[in-house]
């Protein structure tokens, strides 16, 4: 799939598709990269996200320190749902908006 798709459970400005992140409306292995920016109510590191990423695809999760849904998983938990931990670090500049900073 080319381009970017913004998904949220409710229609907001900039949202392309309204969908539940635990049941994504895409074929398997269609995305090279996915970004979960301050996810709320679900862990983006899950089998459904792994399903829509191409083999070797990258999931980047950004969130505030108090957000349990954006906290890094242990390597064993990440592997159990189809991921391997590559790195942790500060928020990417492209994800800086609102009050999110880490």
Protein backbone atom coordinates (compact mmCIF):
# COMPACT_ATOMS: atom_id res chain seq x y z
CA UNK A 1 0.00 0.00 0.00
CA UNK A 2 1.38 3.42 -0.91
CA UNK A 3 0.98 6.55 1.15
CA UNK A 4 -0.21 7.03 4.71
CA UNK A 5 -3.44 5.97 6.35
CA UNK A 6 -4.63 7.52 9.61
CA UNK A 7 -6.87 5.15 11.59
CA UNK A 8 -8.87 5.93 14.72
CA UNK A 9 -11.91 4.41 16.39
CA UNK A 10 -13.82 7.70 15.98
CA UNK A 11 -13.89 10.20 13.15
CA UNK A 12 -11.57 13.12 13.88
CA UNK A 13 -9.88 15.65 11.59
CA UNK A 14 -7.21 13.86 9.60
CA UNK A 15 -8.64 10.37 10.19
CA UNK A 16 -8.78 8.43 6.92
CA UNK A 17 -10.43 5.26 8.19
CA UNK A 18 -12.59 4.63 11.24
CA UNK A 19 -11.73 1.17 12.53
CA UNK A 20 -10.89 -0.84 15.61
CA UNK A 21 -7.13 -1.38 15.81
CA UNK A 22 -7.75 -4.92 17.02
CA UNK A 23 -9.54 -5.75 13.76
CA UNK A 24 -7.85 -3.80 10.96
CA UNK A 25 -9.66 -3.61 7.59
CA UNK A 26 -6.60 -4.48 5.49
CA UNK A 27 -5.22 -7.52 3.75
CA UNK A 28 -2.28 -9.23 5.41
CA UNK A 29 1.27 -8.03 4.78
CA UNK A 30 0.44 -4.71 3.10
CA UNK A 31 2.41 -2.14 5.16
CA UNK A 32 6.16 -1.60 5.35
CA UNK A 33 5.82 0.54 8.46
CA UNK A 34 3.19 1.43 11.04
CA UNK A 35 3.16 4.18 13.66
CA UNK A 36 1.08 4.11 16.84
CA UNK A 37 1.15 7.60 18.30
CA UNK A 38 0.11 7.68 21.96
CA UNK A 39 -2.24 4.69 21.63
CA UNK A 40 -5.09 4.50 24.12
CA UNK A 41 -7.14 1.46 25.06
CA UNK A 42 -5.10 -1.13 23.13
CA UNK A 43 -1.57 -2.34 22.78
CA UNK A 44 -0.31 -1.70 19.24
CA UNK A 45 2.15 -4.57 19.67
CA UNK A 46 -0.38 -7.27 18.88
CA UNK A 47 -1.00 -10.06 16.37
CA UNK A 48 -3.32 -7.86 14.26
CA UNK A 49 -0.63 -5.22 13.73
CA UNK A 50 1.88 -7.97 12.95
CA UNK A 51 -0.58 -9.41 10.40
CA UNK A 52 -0.82 -6.22 8.31
CA UNK A 53 2.94 -5.53 8.32
CA UNK A 54 5.08 -7.04 5.59
CA UNK A 55 7.81 -9.44 6.75
CA UNK A 56 10.57 -7.27 8.18
CA UNK A 57 8.12 -4.36 8.61
CA UNK A 58 8.63 -1.80 11.36
CA UNK A 59 6.19 -0.72 14.08
CA UNK A 60 7.05 2.55 15.81
CA UNK A 61 5.18 3.21 19.05
CA UNK A 62 5.32 6.67 20.64
CA UNK A 63 3.63 7.71 23.85
CA UNK A 64 3.82 9.62 27.07
CA UNK A 65 5.69 8.00 29.98
CA UNK A 66 2.45 7.38 31.92
CA UNK A 67 0.67 5.67 29.00
CA UNK A 68 0.74 1.92 29.70
CA UNK A 69 -0.32 1.18 26.10
CA UNK A 70 2.87 2.67 24.69
CA UNK A 71 5.31 1.15 27.19
CA UNK A 72 7.99 -1.10 25.67
CA UNK A 73 7.27 -4.82 26.02
CA UNK A 74 9.78 -7.34 27.18
CA UNK A 75 11.55 -9.09 24.29
CA UNK A 76 9.77 -12.37 25.13
CA UNK A 77 6.31 -10.73 25.14
CA UNK A 78 7.05 -8.89 21.89
CA UNK A 79 8.16 -12.14 20.26
CA UNK A 80 5.02 -13.94 21.49
CA UNK A 81 2.84 -11.58 19.43
CA UNK A 82 5.04 -11.56 16.33
CA UNK A 83 7.57 -8.77 16.96
CA UNK A 84 11.21 -8.33 17.85
CA UNK A 85 12.45 -5.29 19.79
CA UNK A 86 14.76 -3.17 17.63
CA UNK A 87 15.35 -0.12 19.78
CA UNK A 88 13.90 2.31 22.28
CA UNK A 89 14.60 6.02 22.39
CA UNK A 90 13.16 9.53 22.37
CA UNK A 91 10.13 10.53 20.33
CA UNK A 92 10.74 11.21 16.65
CA UNK A 93 10.40 14.86 15.65
CA UNK A 94 7.60 13.97 13.21
CA UNK A 95 5.48 12.74 16.14
CA UNK A 96 5.79 15.93 18.23
CA UNK A 97 2.39 17.56 18.54
CA UNK A 98 0.18 18.60 21.43
CA UNK A 99 1.77 17.81 24.78
CA UNK A 100 3.49 14.54 23.84
CA UNK A 101 7.24 14.78 24.18
CA UNK A 102 8.64 11.35 25.09
